[in-house]
């Protein structure tokens, strides 16, 4: 694995269907279980935890009946770069090409492409 340390933080991310759980209740449960933070991302709540705390937070939430969509340790960019137009198209093609390679397991990026650009490219 290559070094990505200075551009990305390694974090545990748990995604929860926001329509199926009370925000305040989830926040209390998550923080009590060792989560670092929680935020709303469209129709999901994104609970973040240190990688070593992810499994405990996941088990605690599942034990309380919280509908978890996914739980994984991943790399989160420390900052993003906004891309539009031709640059956005080129980056999307590059990422798609990398993801199609058999030897590539994950692709991490720090681009921020507006939803309308993604939709126009058929990537949303």
PDB file of N, CA and C in Angstrom:
ATOM      1  N   UNK A   1       0.844  -1.173   0.000  1.00  0.00           N
ATOM      2  CA  UNK A   1       0.000   0.000   0.000  1.00  0.00           C
ATOM      3  C   UNK A   1       0.883   1.227   0.000  1.00  0.00           C
ATOM      4  N   UNK A   2       0.576   2.197  -0.842  1.00  0.00           N
ATOM      5  CA  UNK A   2       1.328   3.440  -0.910  1.00  0.00           C
ATOM      6  C   UNK A   2       0.976   4.362   0.236  1.00  0.00           C
ATOM      7  N   UNK A   3       1.783   5.373   0.428  1.00  0.00           N
ATOM      8  CA  UNK A   3       1.552   6.325   1.503  1.00  0.00           C
ATOM      9  C   UNK A   3       0.570   7.397   1.061  1.00  0.00           C
ATOM     10  N   UNK A   4      -0.498   7.543   1.810  1.00  0.00           N
ATOM     11  CA  UNK A   4      -1.484   8.582   1.540  1.00  0.00           C
ATOM     12  C   UNK A   4      -1.647   9.488   2.745  1.00  0.00           C
ATOM     13  N   UNK A   5      -0.778   9.324   3.732  1.00  0.00           N
ATOM     14  CA  UNK A   5      -0.915   9.942   5.031  1.00  0.00           C
ATOM     15  C   UNK A   5      -1.202  11.417   5.094  1.00  0.00           C
ATOM     16  N   UNK A   6      -0.528  12.257   4.352  1.00  0.00           N
ATOM     17  CA  UNK A   6      -0.687  13.680   4.559  1.00  0.00           C
ATOM     18  C   UNK A   6      -1.911  14.272   3.882  1.00  0.00           C
ATOM     19  N   UNK A   7      -2.524  13.592   2.953  1.00  0.00           N
ATOM     20  CA  UNK A   7      -3.705  14.122   2.265  1.00  0.00           C
ATOM     21  C   UNK A   7      -5.014  13.529   2.771  1.00  0.00           C
ATOM     22  N   UNK A   8      -4.939  12.398   3.457  1.00  0.00           N
ATOM     23  CA  UNK A   8      -6.134  11.682   3.887  1.00  0.00           C
ATOM     24  C   UNK A   8      -5.998  11.276   5.345  1.00  0.00           C
ATOM     25  N   UNK A   9      -7.138  11.196   6.024  1.00  0.00           N
ATOM     26  CA  UNK A   9      -7.191  10.658   7.379  1.00  0.00           C
ATOM     27  C   UNK A   9      -7.883   9.302   7.308  1.00  0.00           C
ATOM     28  N   UNK A  10      -7.368   8.340   8.028  1.00  0.00           N
ATOM     29  CA  UNK A  10      -7.984   7.009   8.090  1.00  0.00           C
ATOM     30  C   UNK A  10      -9.066   7.051   9.170  1.00  0.00           C
ATOM     31  N   UNK A  11     -10.313   6.748   8.792  1.00  0.00           N
ATOM     32  CA  UNK A  11     -11.441   6.833   9.719  1.00  0.00           C
ATOM     33  C   UNK A  11     -12.393   5.669   9.521  1.00  0.00           C
ATOM     34  N   UNK A  12     -13.081   5.346  10.578  1.00  0.00           N
ATOM     35  CA  UNK A  12     -14.182   4.406  10.492  1.00  0.00           C
ATOM     36  C   UNK A  12     -15.449   5.183  10.169  1.00  0.00           C
ATOM     37  N   UNK A  13     -16.202   4.724   9.173  1.00  0.00           N
ATOM     38  CA  UNK A  13     -17.424   5.398   8.750  1.00  0.00           C
ATOM     39  C   UNK A  13     -18.579   4.402   8.805  1.00  0.00           C
ATOM     40  N   UNK A  14     -19.631   4.790   9.505  1.00  0.00           N
ATOM     41  CA  UNK A  14     -20.854   3.990   9.579  1.00  0.00           C
ATOM     42  C   UNK A  14     -21.971   4.817   8.960  1.00  0.00           C
ATOM     43  N   UNK A  15     -22.675   4.251   7.978  1.00  0.00           N
ATOM     44  CA  UNK A  15     -23.794   4.938   7.334  1.00  0.00           C
ATOM     45  C   UNK A  15     -25.103   4.349   7.838  1.00  0.00           C
ATOM     46  N   UNK A  16     -26.024   5.245   8.219  1.00  0.00           N
ATOM     47  CA  UNK A  16     -27.312   4.851   8.783  1.00  0.00           C
ATOM     48  C   UNK A  16     -28.420   5.571   8.023  1.00  0.00           C
ATOM     49  N   UNK A  17     -29.485   4.855   7.669  1.00  0.00           N
ATOM     50  CA  UNK A  17     -30.640   5.423   6.976  1.00  0.00           C
ATOM     51  C   UNK A  17     -31.306   6.450   7.889  1.00  0.00           C
ATOM     52  N   UNK A  18     -31.262   7.727   7.493  1.00  0.00           N
ATOM     53  CA  UNK A  18     -31.776   8.812   8.333  1.00  0.00           C
ATOM     54  C   UNK A  18     -33.289   8.743   8.528  1.00  0.00           C
ATOM     55  N   UNK A  19     -34.006   8.145   7.601  1.00  0.00           N
ATOM     56  CA  UNK A  19     -35.463   8.069   7.704  1.00  0.00           C
ATOM     57  C   UNK A  19     -35.915   7.044   8.745  1.00  0.00           C
ATOM     58  N   UNK A  20     -35.004   6.181   9.187  1.00  0.00           N
ATOM     59  CA  UNK A  20     -35.397   5.081  10.066  1.00  0.00           C
ATOM     60  C   UNK A  20     -34.892   5.214  11.495  1.00  0.00           C
ATOM     61  N   UNK A  21     -34.318   6.391  11.853  1.00  0.00           N
ATOM     62  CA  UNK A  21     -33.774   6.552  13.195  1.00  0.00           C
ATOM     63  C   UNK A  21     -33.848   8.022  13.599  1.00  0.00           C
ATOM     64  N   UNK A  22     -34.057   8.264  14.891  1.00  0.00           N
ATOM     65  CA  UNK A  22     -34.092   9.617  15.430  1.00  0.00           C
ATOM     66  C   UNK A  22     -32.659  10.157  15.552  1.00  0.00           C
ATOM     67  N   UNK A  23     -32.432  11.366  15.052  1.00  0.00           N
ATOM     68  CA  UNK A  23     -31.086  11.938  15.025  1.00  0.00           C
ATOM     69  C   UNK A  23     -30.481  12.084  16.418  1.00  0.00           C
ATOM     70  N   UNK A  24     -31.235  12.639  17.348  1.00  0.00           N
ATOM     71  CA  UNK A  24     -30.701  12.847  18.701  1.00  0.00           C
ATOM     72  C   UNK A  24     -30.394  11.520  19.398  1.00  0.00           C
ATOM     73  N   UNK A  25     -31.274  10.544  19.209  1.00  0.00           N
ATOM     74  CA  UNK A  25     -31.049   9.232  19.821  1.00  0.00           C
ATOM     75  C   UNK A  25     -29.798   8.568  19.240  1.00  0.00           C
ATOM     76  N   UNK A  26     -29.664   8.624  17.911  1.00  0.00           N
ATOM     77  CA  UNK A  26     -28.497   8.037  17.258  1.00  0.00           C
ATOM     78  C   UNK A  26     -27.219   8.720  17.725  1.00  0.00           C
ATOM     79  N   UNK A  27     -27.232  10.047  17.788  1.00  0.00           N
ATOM     80  CA  UNK A  27     -26.051  10.782  18.220  1.00  0.00           C
ATOM     81  C   UNK A  27     -25.640  10.359  19.629  1.00  0.00           C
ATOM     82  N   UNK A  28     -26.594  10.255  20.540  1.00  0.00           N
ATOM     83  CA  UNK A  28     -26.291   9.834  21.912  1.00  0.00           C
ATOM     84  C   UNK A  28     -25.716   8.436  21.972  1.00  0.00           C
ATOM     85  N   UNK A  29     -26.340   7.506  21.250  1.00  0.00           N
ATOM     86  CA  UNK A  29     -25.850   6.128  21.223  1.00  0.00           C
ATOM     87  C   UNK A  29     -24.440   6.052  20.636  1.00  0.00           C
ATOM     88  N   UNK A  30     -24.233   6.757  19.528  1.00  0.00           N
ATOM     89  CA  UNK A  30     -22.943   6.703  18.844  1.00  0.00           C
ATOM     90  C   UNK A  30     -21.832   7.271  19.716  1.00  0.00           C
ATOM     91  N   UNK A  31     -22.071   8.420  20.313  1.00  0.00           N
ATOM     92  CA  UNK A  31     -21.041   9.038  21.154  1.00  0.00           C
ATOM     93  C   UNK A  31     -20.747   8.185  22.386  1.00  0.00           C
ATOM     94  N   UNK A  32     -21.785   7.623  23.000  1.00  0.00           N
ATOM     95  CA  UNK A  32     -21.581   6.747  24.165  1.00  0.00           C
ATOM     96  C   UNK A  32     -20.767   5.513  23.797  1.00  0.00           C
ATOM     97  N   UNK A  33     -20.897   5.054  22.542  1.00  0.00           N
ATOM     98  CA  UNK A  33     -20.179   3.853  22.092  1.00  0.00           C
ATOM     99  C   UNK A  33     -18.747   4.143  21.672  1.00  0.00           C
ATOM    100  N   UNK A  34     -18.378   5.433  21.598  1.00  0.00           N
ATOM    101  CA  UNK A  34     -17.002   5.770  21.238  1.00  0.00           C
ATOM    102  C   UNK A  34     -16.830   6.473  19.913  1.00  0.00           C
ATOM    103  N   UNK A  35     -17.934   6.839  19.248  1.00  0.00           N
ATOM    104  CA  UNK A  35     -17.827   7.564  17.982  1.00  0.00           C
ATOM    105  C   UNK A  35     -17.258   8.955  18.227  1.00  0.00           C
ATOM    106  N   UNK A  36     -16.622   9.497  17.199  1.00  0.00           N
ATOM    107  CA  UNK A  36     -16.024  10.830  17.306  1.00  0.00           C
ATOM    108  C   UNK A  36     -16.992  11.930  16.878  1.00  0.00           C
ATOM    109  N   UNK A  37     -17.874  11.614  15.907  1.00  0.00           N
ATOM    110  CA  UNK A  37     -18.729  12.659  15.348  1.00  0.00           C
ATOM    111  C   UNK A  37     -19.855  12.015  14.555  1.00  0.00           C
ATOM    112  N   UNK A  38     -20.846  12.841  14.180  1.00  0.00           N
ATOM    113  CA  UNK A  38     -21.930  12.392  13.320  1.00  0.00           C
ATOM    114  C   UNK A  38     -22.409  13.599  12.528  1.00  0.00           C
ATOM    115  N   UNK A  39     -22.747  13.362  11.258  1.00  0.00           N
ATOM    116  CA  UNK A  39     -23.298  14.432  10.435  1.00  0.00           C
ATOM    117  C   UNK A  39     -24.331  13.846   9.483  1.00  0.00           C
ATOM    118  N   UNK A  40     -25.207  14.711   8.984  1.00  0.00           N
ATOM    119  CA  UNK A  40     -26.213  14.297   8.006  1.00  0.00           C
ATOM    120  C   UNK A  40     -25.625  14.476   6.616  1.00  0.00           C
ATOM    121  N   UNK A  41     -25.766  13.470   5.773  1.00  0.00           N
ATOM    122  CA  UNK A  41     -25.322  13.528   4.384  1.00  0.00           C
ATOM    123  C   UNK A  41     -26.478  13.024   3.522  1.00  0.00           C
ATOM    124  N   UNK A  42     -27.286  13.948   3.036  1.00  0.00           N
ATOM    125  CA  UNK A  42     -28.488  13.636   2.259  1.00  0.00           C
ATOM    126  C   UNK A  42     -29.431  12.768   3.083  1.00  0.00           C
ATOM    127  N   UNK A  43     -29.703  11.552   2.642  1.00  0.00           N
ATOM    128  CA  UNK A  43     -30.662  10.688   3.335  1.00  0.00           C
ATOM    129  C   UNK A  43     -29.992   9.757   4.340  1.00  0.00           C
ATOM    130  N   UNK A  44     -28.731  10.039   4.658  1.00  0.00           N
ATOM    131  CA  UNK A  44     -27.981   9.179   5.583  1.00  0.00           C
ATOM    132  C   UNK A  44     -27.376   9.989   6.717  1.00  0.00           C
ATOM    133  N   UNK A  45     -27.175   9.322   7.844  1.00  0.00           N
ATOM    134  CA  UNK A  45     -26.327   9.860   8.891  1.00  0.00           C
ATOM    135  C   UNK A  45     -24.977   9.180   8.734  1.00  0.00           C
ATOM    136  N   UNK A  46     -23.912   9.958   8.826  1.00  0.00           N
ATOM    137  CA  UNK A  46     -22.559   9.436   8.724  1.00  0.00           C
ATOM    138  C   UNK A  46     -21.910   9.550  10.091  1.00  0.00           C
ATOM    139  N   UNK A  47     -21.710   8.400  10.727  1.00  0.00           N
ATOM    140  CA  UNK A  47     -21.077   8.337  12.039  1.00  0.00           C
ATOM    141  C   UNK A  47     -19.603   8.045  11.824  1.00  0.00           C
ATOM    142  N   UNK A  48     -18.725   8.872  12.397  1.00  0.00           N
ATOM    143  CA  UNK A  48     -17.287   8.640  12.252  1.00  0.00           C
ATOM    144  C   UNK A  48     -16.692   8.211  13.584  1.00  0.00           C
ATOM    145  N   UNK A  49     -15.696   7.346  13.474  1.00  0.00           N
ATOM    146  CA  UNK A  49     -15.007   6.823  14.651  1.00  0.00           C
ATOM    147  C   UNK A  49     -13.564   6.548  14.278  1.00  0.00           C
ATOM    148  N   UNK A  50     -12.719   6.485  15.279  1.00  0.00           N
ATOM    149  CA  UNK A  50     -11.342   6.060  15.036  1.00  0.00           C
ATOM    150  C   UNK A  50     -11.394   4.622  14.518  1.00  0.00           C
ATOM    151  N   UNK A  51     -10.471   4.245  13.634  1.00  0.00           N
ATOM    152  CA  UNK A  51     -10.506   2.889  13.072  1.00  0.00           C
ATOM    153  C   UNK A  51     -10.584   1.792  14.142  1.00  0.00           C
ATOM    154  N   UNK A  52      -9.853   1.968  15.249  1.00  0.00           N
ATOM    155  CA  UNK A  52      -9.856   0.943  16.296  1.00  0.00           C
ATOM    156  C   UNK A  52     -11.177   0.903  17.078  1.00  0.00           C
ATOM    157  N   UNK A  53     -12.019   1.935  16.955  1.00  0.00           N
ATOM    158  CA  UNK A  53     -13.304   1.980  17.670  1.00  0.00           C
ATOM    159  C   UNK A  53     -14.486   1.577  16.796  1.00  0.00           C
ATOM    160  N   UNK A  54     -14.264   1.429  15.497  1.00  0.00           N
ATOM    161  CA  UNK A  54     -15.361   1.175  14.567  1.00  0.00           C
ATOM    162  C   UNK A  54     -16.178  -0.054  14.933  1.00  0.00           C
ATOM    163  N   UNK A  55     -15.524  -1.149  15.204  1.00  0.00           N
ATOM    164  CA  UNK A  55     -16.252  -2.395  15.472  1.00  0.00           C
ATOM    165  C   UNK A  55     -17.121  -2.279  16.725  1.00  0.00           C
ATOM    166  N   UNK A  56     -16.617  -1.659  17.773  1.00  0.00           N
ATOM    167  CA  UNK A  56     -17.402  -1.477  18.997  1.00  0.00           C
ATOM    168  C   UNK A  56     -18.616  -0.582  18.740  1.00  0.00           C
ATOM    169  N   UNK A  57     -18.424   0.502  18.001  1.00  0.00           N
ATOM    170  CA  UNK A  57     -19.542   1.402  17.692  1.00  0.00           C
ATOM    171  C   UNK A  57     -20.579   0.662  16.849  1.00  0.00           C
ATOM    172  N   UNK A  58     -20.128  -0.061  15.837  1.00  0.00           N
ATOM    173  CA  UNK A  58     -21.058  -0.822  14.979  1.00  0.00           C
ATOM    174  C   UNK A  58     -21.863  -1.830  15.786  1.00  0.00           C
ATOM    175  N   UNK A  59     -21.171  -2.611  16.624  1.00  0.00           N
ATOM    176  CA  UNK A  59     -21.866  -3.626  17.438  1.00  0.00           C
ATOM    177  C   UNK A  59     -22.871  -2.983  18.384  1.00  0.00           C
ATOM    178  N   UNK A  60     -22.497  -1.887  18.998  1.00  0.00           N
ATOM    179  CA  UNK A  60     -23.387  -1.202  19.932  1.00  0.00           C
ATOM    180  C   UNK A  60     -24.633  -0.697  19.213  1.00  0.00           C
ATOM    181  N   UNK A  61     -24.450  -0.053  18.061  1.00  0.00           N
ATOM    182  CA  UNK A  61     -25.600   0.460  17.316  1.00  0.00           C
ATOM    183  C   UNK A  61     -26.498  -0.663  16.836  1.00  0.00           C
ATOM    184  N   UNK A  62     -25.907  -1.722  16.288  1.00  0.00           N
ATOM    185  CA  UNK A  62     -26.711  -2.868  15.833  1.00  0.00           C
ATOM    186  C   UNK A  62     -27.471  -3.485  17.001  1.00  0.00           C
ATOM    187  N   UNK A  63     -26.827  -3.569  18.151  1.00  0.00           N
ATOM    188  CA  UNK A  63     -27.470  -4.138  19.336  1.00  0.00           C
ATOM    189  C   UNK A  63     -28.670  -3.335  19.804  1.00  0.00           C
ATOM    190  N   UNK A  64     -28.701  -2.061  19.461  1.00  0.00           N
ATOM    191  CA  UNK A  64     -29.823  -1.187  19.821  1.00  0.00           C
ATOM    192  C   UNK A  64     -30.826  -1.046  18.678  1.00  0.00           C
ATOM    193  N   UNK A  65     -30.660  -1.872  17.631  1.00  0.00           N
ATOM    194  CA  UNK A  65     -31.616  -1.889  16.531  1.00  0.00           C
ATOM    195  C   UNK A  65     -31.441  -0.800  15.490  1.00  0.00           C
ATOM    196  N   UNK A  66     -30.283  -0.152  15.459  1.00  0.00           N
ATOM    197  CA  UNK A  66     -30.026   0.904  14.473  1.00  0.00           C
ATOM    198  C   UNK A  66     -29.780   0.255  13.105  1.00  0.00           C
ATOM    199  N   UNK A  67     -30.509   0.718  12.057  1.00  0.00           N
ATOM    200  CA  UNK A  67     -30.383   0.133  10.713  1.00  0.00           C
ATOM    201  C   UNK A  67     -29.119   0.619   9.988  1.00  0.00           C
ATOM    202  N   UNK A  68     -28.037  -0.123  10.129  1.00  0.00           N
ATOM    203  CA  UNK A  68     -26.755   0.250   9.523  1.00  0.00           C
ATOM    204  C   UNK A  68     -26.720  -0.202   8.070  1.00  0.00           C
ATOM    205  N   UNK A  69     -26.377   0.731   7.179  1.00  0.00           N
ATOM    206  CA  UNK A  69     -26.247   0.394   5.758  1.00  0.00           C
ATOM    207  C   UNK A  69     -24.850  -0.106   5.430  1.00  0.00           C
ATOM    208  N   UNK A  70     -23.839   0.484   6.066  1.00  0.00           N
ATOM    209  CA  UNK A  70     -22.472   0.018   5.852  1.00  0.00           C
ATOM    210  C   UNK A  70     -21.598   0.492   7.004  1.00  0.00           C
ATOM    211  N   UNK A  71     -20.493  -0.222   7.207  1.00  0.00           N
ATOM    212  CA  UNK A  71     -19.513   0.150   8.223  1.00  0.00           C
ATOM    213  C   UNK A  71     -18.148  -0.283   7.710  1.00  0.00           C
ATOM    214  N   UNK A  72     -17.232   0.685   7.546  1.00  0.00           N
ATOM    215  CA  UNK A  72     -15.919   0.351   7.012  1.00  0.00           C
ATOM    216  C   UNK A  72     -14.883   1.378   7.444  1.00  0.00           C
ATOM    217  N   UNK A  73     -13.650   0.932   7.434  1.00  0.00           N
ATOM    218  CA  UNK A  73     -12.532   1.846   7.636  1.00  0.00           C
ATOM    219  C   UNK A  73     -12.112   2.318   6.257  1.00  0.00           C
ATOM    220  N   UNK A  74     -11.977   3.620   6.106  1.00  0.00           N
ATOM    221  CA  UNK A  74     -11.671   4.197   4.798  1.00  0.00           C
ATOM    222  C   UNK A  74     -10.776   5.417   4.969  1.00  0.00           C
ATOM    223  N   UNK A  75     -10.388   5.999   3.865  1.00  0.00           N
ATOM    224  CA  UNK A  75      -9.589   7.227   3.870  1.00  0.00           C
ATOM    225  C   UNK A  75     -10.490   8.396   3.490  1.00  0.00           C
ATOM    226  N   UNK A  76     -10.463   9.451   4.292  1.00  0.00           N
ATOM    227  CA  UNK A  76     -11.271  10.640   4.073  1.00  0.00           C
ATOM    228  C   UNK A  76     -10.320  11.797   3.773  1.00  0.00           C
ATOM    229  N   UNK A  77     -10.554  12.544   2.672  1.00  0.00           N
ATOM    230  CA  UNK A  77      -9.634  13.636   2.338  1.00  0.00           C
ATOM    231  C   UNK A  77      -9.666  14.749   3.383  1.00  0.00           C
ATOM    232  N   UNK A  78      -8.496  15.309   3.666  1.00  0.00           N
ATOM    233  CA  UNK A  78      -8.405  16.426   4.597  1.00  0.00           C
ATOM    234  C   UNK A  78      -8.927  17.705   3.960  1.00  0.00           C
ATOM    235  N   UNK A  79      -8.816  17.808   2.653  1.00  0.00           N
ATOM    236  CA  UNK A  79      -9.363  18.942   1.910  1.00  0.00           C
ATOM    237  C   UNK A  79      -9.761  18.440   0.529  1.00  0.00           C
ATOM    238  N   UNK A  80     -10.618  19.193  -0.135  1.00  0.00           N
ATOM    239  CA  UNK A  80     -11.069  18.791  -1.463  1.00  0.00           C
ATOM    240  C   UNK A  80     -10.724  19.866  -2.485  1.00  0.00           C
ATOM    241  N   UNK A  81     -10.712  19.447  -3.740  1.00  0.00           N
ATOM    242  CA  UNK A  81     -10.452  20.347  -4.854  1.00  0.00           C
ATOM    243  C   UNK A  81     -11.679  20.310  -5.758  1.00  0.00           C
ATOM    244  N   UNK A  82     -12.269  21.469  -6.002  1.00  0.00           N
ATOM    245  CA  UNK A  82     -13.464  21.553  -6.843  1.00  0.00           C
ATOM    246  C   UNK A  82     -13.071  21.442  -8.317  1.00  0.00           C
ATOM    247  N   UNK A  83     -13.758  20.563  -9.021  1.00  0.00           N
ATOM    248  CA  UNK A  83     -13.502  20.358 -10.448  1.00  0.00           C
ATOM    249  C   UNK A  83     -14.797  20.512 -11.232  1.00  0.00           C
ATOM    250  N   UNK A  84     -14.691  21.133 -12.391  1.00  0.00           N
ATOM    251  CA  UNK A  84     -15.835  21.268 -13.287  1.00  0.00           C
ATOM    252  C   UNK A  84     -15.353  21.110 -14.723  1.00  0.00           C
ATOM    253  N   UNK A  85     -16.295  21.032 -15.643  1.00  0.00           N
ATOM    254  CA  UNK A  85     -15.981  21.011 -17.074  1.00  0.00           C
ATOM    255  C   UNK A  85     -15.063  19.876 -17.481  1.00  0.00           C
ATOM    256  N   UNK A  86     -14.093  20.223 -18.302  1.00  0.00           N
ATOM    257  CA  UNK A  86     -13.177  19.234 -18.876  1.00  0.00           C
ATOM    258  C   UNK A  86     -12.358  18.525 -17.797  1.00  0.00           C
ATOM    259  N   UNK A  87     -11.929  19.269 -16.775  1.00  0.00           N
ATOM    260  CA  UNK A  87     -11.156  18.651 -15.684  1.00  0.00           C
ATOM    261  C   UNK A  87     -11.976  17.572 -14.982  1.00  0.00           C
ATOM    262  N   UNK A  88     -13.250  17.864 -14.720  1.00  0.00           N
ATOM    263  CA  UNK A  88     -14.120  16.885 -14.054  1.00  0.00           C
ATOM    264  C   UNK A  88     -14.279  15.638 -14.925  1.00  0.00           C
ATOM    265  N   UNK A  89     -14.473  15.832 -16.220  1.00  0.00           N
ATOM    266  CA  UNK A  89     -14.628  14.702 -17.132  1.00  0.00           C
ATOM    267  C   UNK A  89     -13.381  13.826 -17.135  1.00  0.00           C
ATOM    268  N   UNK A  90     -12.208  14.446 -17.186  1.00  0.00           N
ATOM    269  CA  UNK A  90     -10.958  13.688 -17.220  1.00  0.00           C
ATOM    270  C   UNK A  90     -10.750  12.903 -15.929  1.00  0.00           C
ATOM    271  N   UNK A  91     -11.027  13.534 -14.802  1.00  0.00           N
ATOM    272  CA  UNK A  91     -10.846  12.849 -13.518  1.00  0.00           C
ATOM    273  C   UNK A  91     -11.822  11.686 -13.387  1.00  0.00           C
ATOM    274  N   UNK A  92     -13.064  11.874 -13.799  1.00  0.00           N
ATOM    275  CA  UNK A  92     -14.044  10.785 -13.726  1.00  0.00           C
ATOM    276  C   UNK A  92     -13.626   9.610 -14.606  1.00  0.00           C
ATOM    277  N   UNK A  93     -13.111   9.890 -15.794  1.00  0.00           N
ATOM    278  CA  UNK A  93     -12.629   8.812 -16.669  1.00  0.00           C
ATOM    279  C   UNK A  93     -11.438   8.091 -16.044  1.00  0.00           C
ATOM    280  N   UNK A  94     -10.518   8.856 -15.440  1.00  0.00           N
ATOM    281  CA  UNK A  94      -9.361   8.256 -14.777  1.00  0.00           C
ATOM    282  C   UNK A  94      -9.794   7.338 -13.631  1.00  0.00           C
ATOM    283  N   UNK A  95     -10.665   7.829 -12.770  1.00  0.00           N
ATOM    284  CA  UNK A  95     -11.120   7.030 -11.632  1.00  0.00           C
ATOM    285  C   UNK A  95     -11.847   5.780 -12.112  1.00  0.00           C
ATOM    286  N   UNK A  96     -12.703   5.932 -13.106  1.00  0.00           N
ATOM    287  CA  UNK A  96     -13.417   4.777 -13.665  1.00  0.00           C
ATOM    288  C   UNK A  96     -12.431   3.745 -14.209  1.00  0.00           C
ATOM    289  N   UNK A  97     -11.415   4.215 -14.927  1.00  0.00           N
ATOM    290  CA  UNK A  97     -10.399   3.312 -15.473  1.00  0.00           C
ATOM    291  C   UNK A  97      -9.629   2.595 -14.383  1.00  0.00           C
ATOM    292  N   UNK A  98      -9.278   3.313 -13.322  1.00  0.00           N
ATOM    293  CA  UNK A  98      -8.570   2.687 -12.194  1.00  0.00           C
ATOM    294  C   UNK A  98      -9.433   1.637 -11.507  1.00  0.00           C
ATOM    295  N   UNK A  99     -10.717   1.962 -11.300  1.00  0.00           N
ATOM    296  CA  UNK A  99     -11.621   1.024 -10.622  1.00  0.00           C
ATOM    297  C   UNK A  99     -11.829  -0.259 -11.413  1.00  0.00           C
ATOM    298  N   UNK A 100     -11.684  -0.186 -12.727  1.00  0.00           N
ATOM    299  CA  UNK A 100     -11.883  -1.362 -13.571  1.00  0.00           C
ATOM    300  C   UNK A 100     -10.686  -2.306 -13.579  1.00  0.00           C
ATOM    301  N   UNK A 101      -9.531  -1.859 -13.112  1.00  0.00           N
ATOM    302  CA  UNK A 101      -8.345  -2.710 -13.076  1.00  0.00           C
ATOM    303  C   UNK A 101      -8.507  -3.802 -12.025  1.00  0.00           C
ATOM    304  N   UNK A 102      -8.208  -5.031 -12.390  1.00  0.00           N
ATOM    305  CA  UNK A 102      -8.369  -6.160 -11.475  1.00  0.00           C
ATOM    306  C   UNK A 102      -7.525  -6.041 -10.217  1.00  0.00           C
ATOM    307  N   UNK A 103      -6.348  -5.447 -10.315  1.00  0.00           N
ATOM    308  CA  UNK A 103      -5.442  -5.350  -9.169  1.00  0.00           C
ATOM    309  C   UNK A 103      -5.778  -4.197  -8.225  1.00  0.00           C
ATOM    310  N   UNK A 104      -6.688  -3.318  -8.607  1.00  0.00           N
ATOM    311  CA  UNK A 104      -7.052  -2.164  -7.778  1.00  0.00           C
ATOM    312  C   UNK A 104      -8.217  -2.538  -6.881  1.00  0.00           C
ATOM    313  N   UNK A 105      -8.018  -2.370  -5.579  1.00  0.00           N
ATOM    314  CA  UNK A 105      -9.072  -2.688  -4.611  1.00  0.00           C
ATOM    315  C   UNK A 105      -9.901  -1.464  -4.244  1.00  0.00           C
ATOM    316  N   UNK A 106      -9.258  -0.304  -4.071  1.00  0.00           N
ATOM    317  CA  UNK A 106      -9.951   0.928  -3.690  1.00  0.00           C
ATOM    318  C   UNK A 106      -9.293   2.111  -4.380  1.00  0.00           C
ATOM    319  N   UNK A 107     -10.099   3.108  -4.713  1.00  0.00           N
ATOM    320  CA  UNK A 107      -9.591   4.361  -5.260  1.00  0.00           C
ATOM    321  C   UNK A 107     -10.051   5.474  -4.326  1.00  0.00           C
ATOM    322  N   UNK A 108      -9.111   6.242  -3.802  1.00  0.00           N
ATOM    323  CA  UNK A 108      -9.414   7.373  -2.928  1.00  0.00           C
ATOM    324  C   UNK A 108      -9.058   8.648  -3.665  1.00  0.00           C
ATOM    325  N   UNK A 109      -9.914   9.661  -3.551  1.00  0.00           N
ATOM    326  CA  UNK A 109      -9.673  10.918  -4.252  1.00  0.00           C
ATOM    327  C   UNK A 109     -10.170  12.083  -3.413  1.00  0.00           C
ATOM    328  N   UNK A 110      -9.660  13.257  -3.713  1.00  0.00           N
ATOM    329  CA  UNK A 110     -10.084  14.441  -2.968  1.00  0.00           C
ATOM    330  C   UNK A 110     -10.763  15.466  -3.871  1.00  0.00           C
ATOM    331  N   UNK A 111     -11.399  15.024  -4.956  1.00  0.00           N
ATOM    332  CA  UNK A 111     -12.090  15.960  -5.828  1.00  0.00           C
ATOM    333  C   UNK A 111     -13.502  16.212  -5.320  1.00  0.00           C
ATOM    334  N   UNK A 112     -14.003  17.387  -5.650  1.00  0.00           N
ATOM    335  CA  UNK A 112     -15.374  17.787  -5.337  1.00  0.00           C
ATOM    336  C   UNK A 112     -15.998  18.230  -6.646  1.00  0.00           C
ATOM    337  N   UNK A 113     -16.847  17.376  -7.201  1.00  0.00           N
ATOM    338  CA  UNK A 113     -17.504  17.670  -8.466  1.00  0.00           C
ATOM    339  C   UNK A 113     -18.977  17.937  -8.164  1.00  0.00           C
ATOM    340  N   UNK A 114     -19.511  19.095  -8.593  1.00  0.00           N
ATOM    341  CA  UNK A 114     -20.919  19.414  -8.325  1.00  0.00           C
ATOM    342  C   UNK A 114     -21.850  18.324  -8.852  1.00  0.00           C
ATOM    343  N   UNK A 115     -22.964  18.105  -8.130  1.00  0.00           N
ATOM    344  CA  UNK A 115     -23.924  17.064  -8.505  1.00  0.00           C
ATOM    345  C   UNK A 115     -24.415  17.213  -9.942  1.00  0.00           C
ATOM    346  N   UNK A 116     -24.651  18.451 -10.370  1.00  0.00           N
ATOM    347  CA  UNK A 116     -25.167  18.642 -11.734  1.00  0.00           C
ATOM    348  C   UNK A 116     -24.143  18.211 -12.789  1.00  0.00           C
ATOM    349  N   UNK A 117     -22.854  18.349 -12.497  1.00  0.00           N
ATOM    350  CA  UNK A 117     -21.820  17.893 -13.419  1.00  0.00           C
ATOM    351  C   UNK A 117     -21.767  16.367 -13.430  1.00  0.00           C
ATOM    352  N   UNK A 118     -21.872  15.768 -12.231  1.00  0.00           N
ATOM    353  CA  UNK A 118     -21.890  14.300 -12.147  1.00  0.00           C
ATOM    354  C   UNK A 118     -23.091  13.725 -12.906  1.00  0.00           C
ATOM    355  N   UNK A 119     -24.256  14.353 -12.727  1.00  0.00           N
ATOM    356  CA  UNK A 119     -25.460  13.868 -13.399  1.00  0.00           C
ATOM    357  C   UNK A 119     -25.310  13.977 -14.921  1.00  0.00           C
ATOM    358  N   UNK A 120     -24.720  15.057 -15.383  1.00  0.00           N
ATOM    359  CA  UNK A 120     -24.516  15.234 -16.820  1.00  0.00           C
ATOM    360  C   UNK A 120     -23.565  14.184 -17.382  1.00  0.00           C
ATOM    361  N   UNK A 121     -22.636  13.707 -16.540  1.00  0.00           N
ATOM    362  CA  UNK A 121     -21.683  12.672 -16.963  1.00  0.00           C
ATOM    363  C   UNK A 121     -22.221  11.270 -16.731  1.00  0.00           C
ATOM    364  N   UNK A 122     -23.401  11.177 -16.093  1.00  0.00           N
ATOM    365  CA  UNK A 122     -23.990   9.867 -15.806  1.00  0.00           C
ATOM    366  C   UNK A 122     -23.293   9.146 -14.666  1.00  0.00           C
ATOM    367  N   UNK A 123     -22.606   9.889 -13.786  1.00  0.00           N
ATOM    368  CA  UNK A 123     -21.857   9.273 -12.696  1.00  0.00           C
ATOM    369  C   UNK A 123     -22.549   9.403 -11.349  1.00  0.00           C
ATOM    370  N   UNK A 124     -23.680  10.081 -11.302  1.00  0.00           N
ATOM    371  CA  UNK A 124     -24.358  10.283 -10.005  1.00  0.00           C
ATOM    372  C   UNK A 124     -25.302   9.163  -9.693  1.00  0.00           C
TER     373      UNK A 124
END
